């Protein structure tokens, strides 16, 4: 038993759990960085329409860089799962659930490719695959943004994680609202293209920052001794 007034040392299972969470955080940071690099290379190197098109156009079947794009998307999906696994105990259960949902939808958006130009209604005729891909992409973004909001108000997440989530959510919400309105009002174009890239870049930076913070964070909870 620990001396009165002094916290007891963490138990072995608790210590192992903390090590596992920090390893998951490190792996999440690596997957986020690798996924972002792969997707960026596919988008930049591909013959896409630049900022007037969607990022997903780099993964169209038959594209020379489609495999690189899909690998990058799957790496980002894995990063979301790992961030959820790296969260400390006591965090609201909604946060890891939203991150897991975001990972699933991200993987679906990478597995189900859209047709040329990734058309979406109401201005373009879309195929079933286009709708599945577009719906999964939108759902993945929404899940990640709601996860940010949840973490921003979850005390056990830690000060750094909460601040990162709060700042990212404050920027992501107006961007998502604007891009949604732009897609309905003006459709494809440089406005939607730039806004989409800003949202994705913000999500990647948040994921990388959060994963790094979780990997470097020391055990914030001490087992209190009996007095």
C-alpha atoms as a PDB file:
ATOM      1  CA  UNK A   1       0.000   0.000   0.000  1.00  0.00           C
ATOM      2  CA  UNK A   2       1.240   3.476  -0.828  1.00  0.00           C
ATOM      3  CA  UNK A   3       2.162   5.918   1.905  1.00  0.00           C
ATOM      4  CA  UNK A   4      -0.620   8.271   3.038  1.00  0.00           C
ATOM      5  CA  UNK A   5      -0.887  11.329   0.823  1.00  0.00           C
ATOM      6  CA  UNK A   6       1.168   9.773  -1.984  1.00  0.00           C
ATOM      7  CA  UNK A   7      -0.443   8.289  -5.138  1.00  0.00           C
ATOM      8  CA  UNK A   8       0.100   4.591  -5.639  1.00  0.00           C
ATOM      9  CA  UNK A   9       2.057   3.347  -8.617  1.00  0.00           C
ATOM     10  CA  UNK A  10      -0.043   2.323 -11.625  1.00  0.00           C
ATOM     11  CA  UNK A  11      -0.962  -1.330 -11.760  1.00  0.00           C
ATOM     12  CA  UNK A  12       0.636  -3.523 -14.423  1.00  0.00           C
ATOM     13  CA  UNK A  13      -2.540  -3.816 -16.586  1.00  0.00           C
ATOM     14  CA  UNK A  14      -3.026  -0.040 -16.397  1.00  0.00           C
ATOM     15  CA  UNK A  15       0.583   0.602 -17.368  1.00  0.00           C
ATOM     16  CA  UNK A  16       0.330  -1.845 -20.262  1.00  0.00           C
ATOM     17  CA  UNK A  17      -2.861  -0.173 -21.420  1.00  0.00           C
ATOM     18  CA  UNK A  18      -1.151   3.207 -21.431  1.00  0.00           C
ATOM     19  CA  UNK A  19       1.771   1.837 -23.451  1.00  0.00           C
ATOM     20  CA  UNK A  20      -0.669   0.301 -25.941  1.00  0.00           C
ATOM     21  CA  UNK A  21      -2.490   3.618 -26.324  1.00  0.00           C
ATOM     22  CA  UNK A  22       0.746   5.477 -26.924  1.00  0.00           C
ATOM     23  CA  UNK A  23       1.793   2.905 -29.526  1.00  0.00           C
ATOM     24  CA  UNK A  24      -1.600   3.310 -31.205  1.00  0.00           C
ATOM     25  CA  UNK A  25      -1.096   7.074 -31.217  1.00  0.00           C
ATOM     26  CA  UNK A  26       2.324   6.716 -32.845  1.00  0.00           C
ATOM     27  CA  UNK A  27       0.916   4.344 -35.458  1.00  0.00           C
ATOM     28  CA  UNK A  28      -1.965   6.740 -36.112  1.00  0.00           C
ATOM     29  CA  UNK A  29       0.461   9.610 -36.720  1.00  0.00           C
ATOM     30  CA  UNK A  30       2.438   7.463 -39.155  1.00  0.00           C
ATOM     31  CA  UNK A  31      -0.687   6.327 -41.032  1.00  0.00           C
ATOM     32  CA  UNK A  32      -1.987   9.895 -41.240  1.00  0.00           C
ATOM     33  CA  UNK A  33       1.267  11.196 -42.661  1.00  0.00           C
ATOM     34  CA  UNK A  34       1.686   8.284 -45.092  1.00  0.00           C
ATOM     35  CA  UNK A  35      -1.922   8.497 -46.245  1.00  0.00           C
ATOM     36  CA  UNK A  36      -1.781  12.247 -46.777  1.00  0.00           C
ATOM     37  CA  UNK A  37       1.437  11.959 -48.786  1.00  0.00           C
ATOM     38  CA  UNK A  38       0.031   9.154 -50.965  1.00  0.00           C
ATOM     39  CA  UNK A  39      -3.220  10.983 -51.720  1.00  0.00           C
ATOM     40  CA  UNK A  40      -1.376  14.245 -52.414  1.00  0.00           C
ATOM     41  CA  UNK A  41       1.006  12.518 -54.820  1.00  0.00           C
ATOM     42  CA  UNK A  42      -1.897  10.881 -56.642  1.00  0.00           C
ATOM     43  CA  UNK A  43      -3.774  14.166 -56.950  1.00  0.00           C
ATOM     44  CA  UNK A  44      -0.772  16.251 -57.997  1.00  0.00           C
ATOM     45  CA  UNK A  45       0.714  13.698 -60.391  1.00  0.00           C
ATOM     46  CA  UNK A  46      -2.600  12.689 -61.948  1.00  0.00           C
ATOM     47  CA  UNK A  47      -4.141  14.286 -65.028  1.00  0.00           C
ATOM     48  CA  UNK A  48      -7.057  15.733 -63.054  1.00  0.00           C
ATOM     49  CA  UNK A  49      -8.699  19.101 -63.699  1.00  0.00           C
ATOM     50  CA  UNK A  50      -6.788  20.884 -60.936  1.00  0.00           C
ATOM     51  CA  UNK A  51      -8.741  22.874 -58.375  1.00  0.00           C
ATOM     52  CA  UNK A  52     -11.952  22.706 -60.423  1.00  0.00           C
ATOM     53  CA  UNK A  53     -12.317  18.964 -59.799  1.00  0.00           C
ATOM     54  CA  UNK A  54     -12.711  16.700 -56.795  1.00  0.00           C
ATOM     55  CA  UNK A  55      -9.853  15.008 -54.984  1.00  0.00           C
ATOM     56  CA  UNK A  56     -11.587  11.655 -55.569  1.00  0.00           C
ATOM     57  CA  UNK A  57     -10.983  11.945 -59.301  1.00  0.00           C
ATOM     58  CA  UNK A  58      -7.426  10.737 -58.654  1.00  0.00           C
ATOM     59  CA  UNK A  59      -8.856   7.317 -57.749  1.00  0.00           C
ATOM     60  CA  UNK A  60     -10.966   6.744 -60.838  1.00  0.00           C
ATOM     61  CA  UNK A  61     -10.575   3.232 -62.264  1.00  0.00           C
ATOM     62  CA  UNK A  62      -7.964   3.193 -64.997  1.00  0.00           C
ATOM     63  CA  UNK A  63      -6.024   6.138 -63.622  1.00  0.00           C
ATOM     64  CA  UNK A  64      -2.280   5.554 -63.419  1.00  0.00           C
ATOM     65  CA  UNK A  65      -2.297   6.732 -59.815  1.00  0.00           C
ATOM     66  CA  UNK A  66      -5.525   5.064 -58.660  1.00  0.00           C
ATOM     67  CA  UNK A  67      -3.691   2.446 -56.583  1.00  0.00           C
ATOM     68  CA  UNK A  68      -1.628   5.098 -54.822  1.00  0.00           C
ATOM     69  CA  UNK A  69      -4.781   7.070 -54.076  1.00  0.00           C
ATOM     70  CA  UNK A  70      -6.628   4.056 -52.652  1.00  0.00           C
ATOM     71  CA  UNK A  71      -3.669   3.057 -50.487  1.00  0.00           C
ATOM     72  CA  UNK A  72      -3.563   6.573 -49.108  1.00  0.00           C
ATOM     73  CA  UNK A  73      -7.297   6.574 -48.360  1.00  0.00           C
ATOM     74  CA  UNK A  74      -7.068   3.215 -46.579  1.00  0.00           C
ATOM     75  CA  UNK A  75      -4.118   4.498 -44.538  1.00  0.00           C
ATOM     76  CA  UNK A  76      -6.198   7.497 -43.459  1.00  0.00           C
ATOM     77  CA  UNK A  77      -9.067   5.172 -42.526  1.00  0.00           C
ATOM     78  CA  UNK A  78      -6.668   3.132 -40.406  1.00  0.00           C
ATOM     79  CA  UNK A  79      -5.433   6.315 -38.752  1.00  0.00           C
ATOM     80  CA  UNK A  80      -8.955   7.160 -37.585  1.00  0.00           C
ATOM     81  CA  UNK A  81      -9.335   3.729 -35.999  1.00  0.00           C
ATOM     82  CA  UNK A  82      -5.970   4.054 -34.277  1.00  0.00           C
ATOM     83  CA  UNK A  83      -6.782   7.516 -32.921  1.00  0.00           C
ATOM     84  CA  UNK A  84      -9.931   6.072 -31.403  1.00  0.00           C
ATOM     85  CA  UNK A  85      -7.893   3.252 -29.833  1.00  0.00           C
ATOM     86  CA  UNK A  86      -5.348   5.732 -28.459  1.00  0.00           C
ATOM     87  CA  UNK A  87      -7.899   7.856 -26.593  1.00  0.00           C
ATOM     88  CA  UNK A  88      -7.539   7.704 -22.799  1.00  0.00           C
ATOM     89  CA  UNK A  89     -10.089   5.903 -20.626  1.00  0.00           C
ATOM     90  CA  UNK A  90     -13.101   7.938 -19.588  1.00  0.00           C
ATOM     91  CA  UNK A  91     -13.498   9.736 -22.918  1.00  0.00           C
ATOM     92  CA  UNK A  92     -17.097   9.861 -24.080  1.00  0.00           C
ATOM     93  CA  UNK A  93     -17.900   6.642 -25.935  1.00  0.00           C
ATOM     94  CA  UNK A  94     -19.309   8.694 -28.816  1.00  0.00           C
ATOM     95  CA  UNK A  95     -15.813   9.851 -29.804  1.00  0.00           C
ATOM     96  CA  UNK A  96     -14.252   6.447 -30.645  1.00  0.00           C
ATOM     97  CA  UNK A  97     -17.589   5.352 -32.156  1.00  0.00           C
ATOM     98  CA  UNK A  98     -17.625   8.360 -34.479  1.00  0.00           C
ATOM     99  CA  UNK A  99     -13.991   7.800 -35.404  1.00  0.00           C
ATOM    100  CA  UNK A 100     -14.710   4.144 -36.183  1.00  0.00           C
ATOM    101  CA  UNK A 101     -17.687   5.184 -38.320  1.00  0.00           C
ATOM    102  CA  UNK A 102     -15.510   7.732 -40.092  1.00  0.00           C
ATOM    103  CA  UNK A 103     -12.931   5.021 -40.771  1.00  0.00           C
ATOM    104  CA  UNK A 104     -15.549   2.701 -42.282  1.00  0.00           C
ATOM    105  CA  UNK A 105     -17.013   5.411 -44.509  1.00  0.00           C
ATOM    106  CA  UNK A 106     -13.530   6.518 -45.560  1.00  0.00           C
ATOM    107  CA  UNK A 107     -12.651   2.952 -46.550  1.00  0.00           C
ATOM    108  CA  UNK A 108     -15.908   2.653 -48.517  1.00  0.00           C
ATOM    109  CA  UNK A 109     -15.182   5.909 -50.366  1.00  0.00           C
ATOM    110  CA  UNK A 110     -11.802   4.493 -51.368  1.00  0.00           C
ATOM    111  CA  UNK A 111     -13.128   1.061 -52.339  1.00  0.00           C
ATOM    112  CA  UNK A 112     -16.108   2.312 -54.368  1.00  0.00           C
ATOM    113  CA  UNK A 113     -14.697   4.497 -57.114  1.00  0.00           C
ATOM    114  CA  UNK A 114     -16.701   7.148 -58.905  1.00  0.00           C
ATOM    115  CA  UNK A 115     -17.021   7.490 -62.657  1.00  0.00           C
ATOM    116  CA  UNK A 116     -15.132  10.060 -64.716  1.00  0.00           C
ATOM    117  CA  UNK A 117     -15.471  13.497 -63.157  1.00  0.00           C
ATOM    118  CA  UNK A 118     -17.170  12.070 -60.036  1.00  0.00           C
ATOM    119  CA  UNK A 119     -20.555  13.593 -61.012  1.00  0.00           C
ATOM    120  CA  UNK A 120     -23.031  14.470 -58.296  1.00  0.00           C
ATOM    121  CA  UNK A 121     -26.584  15.824 -58.408  1.00  0.00           C
ATOM    122  CA  UNK A 122     -28.283  18.212 -58.849  1.00  0.00           C
ATOM    123  CA  UNK A 123     -26.273  19.518 -61.825  1.00  0.00           C
ATOM    124  CA  UNK A 124     -24.828  16.224 -63.090  1.00  0.00           C
ATOM    125  CA  UNK A 125     -26.186  12.745 -63.786  1.00  0.00           C
ATOM    126  CA  UNK A 126     -24.639  10.322 -61.310  1.00  0.00           C
ATOM    127  CA  UNK A 127     -24.367   6.546 -61.342  1.00  0.00           C
ATOM    128  CA  UNK A 128     -25.091   4.325 -58.346  1.00  0.00           C
ATOM    129  CA  UNK A 129     -21.344   4.084 -57.656  1.00  0.00           C
ATOM    130  CA  UNK A 130     -21.068   7.877 -57.774  1.00  0.00           C
ATOM    131  CA  UNK A 131     -23.825   8.200 -55.178  1.00  0.00           C
ATOM    132  CA  UNK A 132     -22.298   5.555 -52.907  1.00  0.00           C
ATOM    133  CA  UNK A 133     -18.861   7.127 -53.188  1.00  0.00           C
ATOM    134  CA  UNK A 134     -20.146  10.652 -52.653  1.00  0.00           C
ATOM    135  CA  UNK A 135     -22.404   9.640 -49.768  1.00  0.00           C
ATOM    136  CA  UNK A 136     -19.590   7.742 -48.041  1.00  0.00           C
ATOM    137  CA  UNK A 137     -17.220  10.683 -48.441  1.00  0.00           C
ATOM    138  CA  UNK A 138     -19.757  13.108 -46.965  1.00  0.00           C
ATOM    139  CA  UNK A 139     -20.576  10.719 -44.102  1.00  0.00           C
ATOM    140  CA  UNK A 140     -16.875  10.236 -43.332  1.00  0.00           C
ATOM    141  CA  UNK A 141     -16.305  13.981 -43.152  1.00  0.00           C
ATOM    142  CA  UNK A 142     -19.361  14.476 -40.946  1.00  0.00           C
ATOM    143  CA  UNK A 143     -18.279  11.685 -38.573  1.00  0.00           C
ATOM    144  CA  UNK A 144     -14.805  13.186 -38.181  1.00  0.00           C
ATOM    145  CA  UNK A 145     -16.172  16.681 -37.536  1.00  0.00           C
ATOM    146  CA  UNK A 146     -18.625  15.374 -34.922  1.00  0.00           C
ATOM    147  CA  UNK A 147     -15.761  13.435 -33.326  1.00  0.00           C
ATOM    148  CA  UNK A 148     -13.837  16.711 -33.075  1.00  0.00           C
ATOM    149  CA  UNK A 149     -16.799  18.361 -31.344  1.00  0.00           C
ATOM    150  CA  UNK A 150     -17.176  15.441 -28.936  1.00  0.00           C
ATOM    151  CA  UNK A 151     -13.485  15.448 -28.011  1.00  0.00           C
ATOM    152  CA  UNK A 152     -13.511  19.217 -27.544  1.00  0.00           C
ATOM    153  CA  UNK A 153     -15.944  18.856 -24.622  1.00  0.00           C
ATOM    154  CA  UNK A 154     -14.667  15.550 -23.207  1.00  0.00           C
ATOM    155  CA  UNK A 155     -12.563  16.294 -20.142  1.00  0.00           C
ATOM    156  CA  UNK A 156     -10.638  12.989 -19.926  1.00  0.00           C
ATOM    157  CA  UNK A 157      -9.299  13.551 -23.447  1.00  0.00           C
ATOM    158  CA  UNK A 158      -6.679  15.924 -22.054  1.00  0.00           C
ATOM    159  CA  UNK A 159      -6.093  19.631 -22.537  1.00  0.00           C
ATOM    160  CA  UNK A 160      -4.060  19.368 -25.757  1.00  0.00           C
ATOM    161  CA  UNK A 161      -6.480  16.984 -27.466  1.00  0.00           C
ATOM    162  CA  UNK A 162      -9.450  19.136 -26.449  1.00  0.00           C
ATOM    163  CA  UNK A 163      -7.845  22.317 -27.748  1.00  0.00           C
ATOM    164  CA  UNK A 164      -6.880  20.726 -31.056  1.00  0.00           C
ATOM    165  CA  UNK A 165     -10.389  19.360 -31.477  1.00  0.00           C
ATOM    166  CA  UNK A 166     -12.008  22.671 -30.565  1.00  0.00           C
ATOM    167  CA  UNK A 167      -9.921  24.694 -33.002  1.00  0.00           C
ATOM    168  CA  UNK A 168     -10.380  22.162 -35.806  1.00  0.00           C
ATOM    169  CA  UNK A 169     -14.149  21.978 -35.272  1.00  0.00           C
ATOM    170  CA  UNK A 170     -14.453  25.778 -35.207  1.00  0.00           C
ATOM    171  CA  UNK A 171     -12.792  25.926 -38.627  1.00  0.00           C
ATOM    172  CA  UNK A 172     -14.378  22.806 -40.111  1.00  0.00           C
ATOM    173  CA  UNK A 173     -18.021  23.620 -39.383  1.00  0.00           C
ATOM    174  CA  UNK A 174     -18.239  26.825 -41.483  1.00  0.00           C
ATOM    175  CA  UNK A 175     -16.124  25.251 -44.235  1.00  0.00           C
ATOM    176  CA  UNK A 176     -18.411  22.207 -44.445  1.00  0.00           C
ATOM    177  CA  UNK A 177     -21.522  24.374 -44.458  1.00  0.00           C
ATOM    178  CA  UNK A 178     -20.066  26.536 -47.218  1.00  0.00           C
ATOM    179  CA  UNK A 179     -18.995  23.650 -49.436  1.00  0.00           C
ATOM    180  CA  UNK A 180     -22.384  21.962 -49.002  1.00  0.00           C
ATOM    181  CA  UNK A 181     -24.185  25.137 -50.032  1.00  0.00           C
ATOM    182  CA  UNK A 182     -21.793  25.695 -52.932  1.00  0.00           C
ATOM    183  CA  UNK A 183     -22.374  22.166 -54.266  1.00  0.00           C
ATOM    184  CA  UNK A 184     -26.130  22.752 -54.245  1.00  0.00           C
ATOM    185  CA  UNK A 185     -26.033  26.269 -55.704  1.00  0.00           C
ATOM    186  CA  UNK A 186     -23.131  26.356 -58.182  1.00  0.00           C
ATOM    187  CA  UNK A 187     -21.920  22.759 -58.447  1.00  0.00           C
ATOM    188  CA  UNK A 188     -18.466  21.776 -59.662  1.00  0.00           C
ATOM    189  CA  UNK A 189     -15.942  24.561 -59.918  1.00  0.00           C
ATOM    190  CA  UNK A 190     -12.921  26.193 -58.297  1.00  0.00           C
ATOM    191  CA  UNK A 191     -14.925  27.278 -55.241  1.00  0.00           C
ATOM    192  CA  UNK A 192     -15.962  23.732 -54.337  1.00  0.00           C
ATOM    193  CA  UNK A 193     -12.546  22.365 -55.319  1.00  0.00           C
ATOM    194  CA  UNK A 194     -10.626  24.736 -53.052  1.00  0.00           C
ATOM    195  CA  UNK A 195     -13.055  24.340 -50.143  1.00  0.00           C
ATOM    196  CA  UNK A 196     -12.903  20.548 -50.374  1.00  0.00           C
ATOM    197  CA  UNK A 197      -9.111  20.609 -50.241  1.00  0.00           C
ATOM    198  CA  UNK A 198      -9.160  22.980 -47.252  1.00  0.00           C
ATOM    199  CA  UNK A 199     -11.486  20.644 -45.325  1.00  0.00           C
ATOM    200  CA  UNK A 200      -9.357  17.600 -46.113  1.00  0.00           C
ATOM    201  CA  UNK A 201      -6.147  19.417 -45.191  1.00  0.00           C
ATOM    202  CA  UNK A 202      -7.694  20.529 -41.904  1.00  0.00           C
ATOM    203  CA  UNK A 203      -8.806  16.964 -41.102  1.00  0.00           C
ATOM    204  CA  UNK A 204      -5.317  15.635 -41.851  1.00  0.00           C
ATOM    205  CA  UNK A 205      -3.619  18.281 -39.703  1.00  0.00           C
ATOM    206  CA  UNK A 206      -6.039  17.609 -36.863  1.00  0.00           C
ATOM    207  CA  UNK A 207      -5.473  13.870 -37.134  1.00  0.00           C
ATOM    208  CA  UNK A 208      -1.706  14.239 -37.200  1.00  0.00           C
ATOM    209  CA  UNK A 209      -1.683  16.687 -34.286  1.00  0.00           C
ATOM    210  CA  UNK A 210      -4.072  14.612 -32.177  1.00  0.00           C
ATOM    211  CA  UNK A 211      -2.245  11.351 -32.863  1.00  0.00           C
ATOM    212  CA  UNK A 212       1.079  12.961 -31.964  1.00  0.00           C
ATOM    213  CA  UNK A 213      -0.356  14.428 -28.754  1.00  0.00           C
ATOM    214  CA  UNK A 214      -1.743  11.036 -27.739  1.00  0.00           C
ATOM    215  CA  UNK A 215       1.556   9.306 -28.537  1.00  0.00           C
ATOM    216  CA  UNK A 216       3.577  11.752 -26.438  1.00  0.00           C
ATOM    217  CA  UNK A 217       1.100  12.143 -23.589  1.00  0.00           C
ATOM    218  CA  UNK A 218       2.095  10.649 -20.265  1.00  0.00           C
ATOM    219  CA  UNK A 219      -0.393   8.876 -18.031  1.00  0.00           C
ATOM    220  CA  UNK A 220      -2.630  11.680 -16.735  1.00  0.00           C
ATOM    221  CA  UNK A 221      -4.527   9.535 -14.249  1.00  0.00           C
ATOM    222  CA  UNK A 222      -2.998   8.333 -11.018  1.00  0.00           C
ATOM    223  CA  UNK A 223      -4.492   5.700  -8.814  1.00  0.00           C
ATOM    224  CA  UNK A 224      -5.409   7.342  -5.552  1.00  0.00           C
ATOM    225  CA  UNK A 225      -4.339   5.581  -2.413  1.00  0.00           C
ATOM    226  CA  UNK A 226      -6.650   4.902   0.463  1.00  0.00           C
ATOM    227  CA  UNK A 227      -6.224   7.105   3.442  1.00  0.00           C
END
